[in-house]
Amino acid sequence: SDLDEHDSANLAALDKIFNELKIGDLDDDEDVMANGNNLDDKEREEELKNASSFTIDLHGNTDEQGDVLESIGEDEEMFTHPDTIEQLDSLSPNDAMAIAIDNQQYSLEQEEEEETALTLDPPKDELEILLQGFPEKRIQKVRDVMMSNLGKPSMLQLVPILRENMPNYITKVWLRQKNLLDASTVMETAEEQGIVDRHLLTSMLEVVAKSGSVDKAIAFHAEEFSKKNIVPTAYCDRILLQMLIDNRRVSRALEFKEKIESQGKHLDLVAYGSLCNHYGNHGQLGSAILTLKECISVHGTPPGEKSLSRLRLICRKHGVHEDAEILKLIGRDPLQWLKEGEHSLKREYTKKGRRQVSLATDKLLQL
């Protein structure tokens, strides 16, 4: 019981001491607040001068600023983002000023990011996606044409805007060489894969014939088909014959024709028509008639109207267009009725000739 009384007395003494300490702390805080409120004007001016001088030294002396920022960096967790009252109270004036500068720089960076986000390019419309690489002025012209009417835009207006000029180095010869090079690459790949057939050889022959090299085309026709054990078709013979005629190698074309006939083959109707058209363009009526007779004897019919129209014109010039044998070979012009109508029965489209035609329309408009 004595121990209990002694312990209770000790506890009461401790409680009294703690209460006095709390009251003393509160009194000290009240004195500090009173002293802060009762500062003289001179002391306030001195504090403002000290703060301004510290600001000038901080901005003027880079070493001091670097030391302050370095010290702040060491205790970044404590001073960069002070969240508690104890951290705010423990900050020195230098640390507080460094934190203020850091926050100001961060706010400036945020403003710059917002400005760059606002200055992004607007989304591209459908025309800009389709016409990538076009200048903005030309795209705007296309947009104006499409907005000028409710229906489909006129090709006569769009073509001049969208037309591209070819570079100076792209000539007809360059295109032929490029086409031949591409075809040769395809042929090499096909030979490696073993898929060369008659159709591929015919296409390659046409490319070589269009390239302008007569000797290469004749050599390709004579050698490449025999290497693959493929017999050239009548279309292959026509390609070679038309190439020789277009290059004004008529004698070599006739030699090639004899070579084909010696193999038991004949030219097709289109090939005979090319010969007749060539003779007609050069005024060689006898050669054209002989070739036409040969064509009829081989195929039983003359070539197309495109080849015969030139022969009729030459026969008309020589005054033999009404001859019975000539009419039997070439026949009459199927468009003669149209030519006579345009020559003799052509309607007059002048105002005087159309006054009775437009009279009814004018009367209806006046109602």
Foldseek 3Di string as FASTA:
>chain_A
DVVVVVVVVVVVVVVVVVVVVVVVVVVVVVVVVVCVVPDDPVVVVVVVVVLVVVVCCCVPPVVVVVVLVVVCVVVVVLQLDPDDPVSVVPDDSSSVVNSVVVVVVVVVVVVVVVVVVVPDDDDDDPLCVVPPPDDPVLSVQVVCQCVVDDDDGDPVSNCVSPDDDDDPVDDPLNVLVVLLVVLVVVVVVCVVVVNDDQVSLLVNLLSVLVNLDLVVSVCSQVPVCVVVVHDHDLVSLLSNLLSCVVVVVVVVSVVSQVVQVVVVDHHDQVSLLSVLQSCLVVLNLVVNVVSLVVNCVVVVAHHDPVSLVSNLVSCVVVVCNPPPVNCVRRNDDPCPVVVCCVVPVNQDPDCVRCVVVCPVVVVVVVD
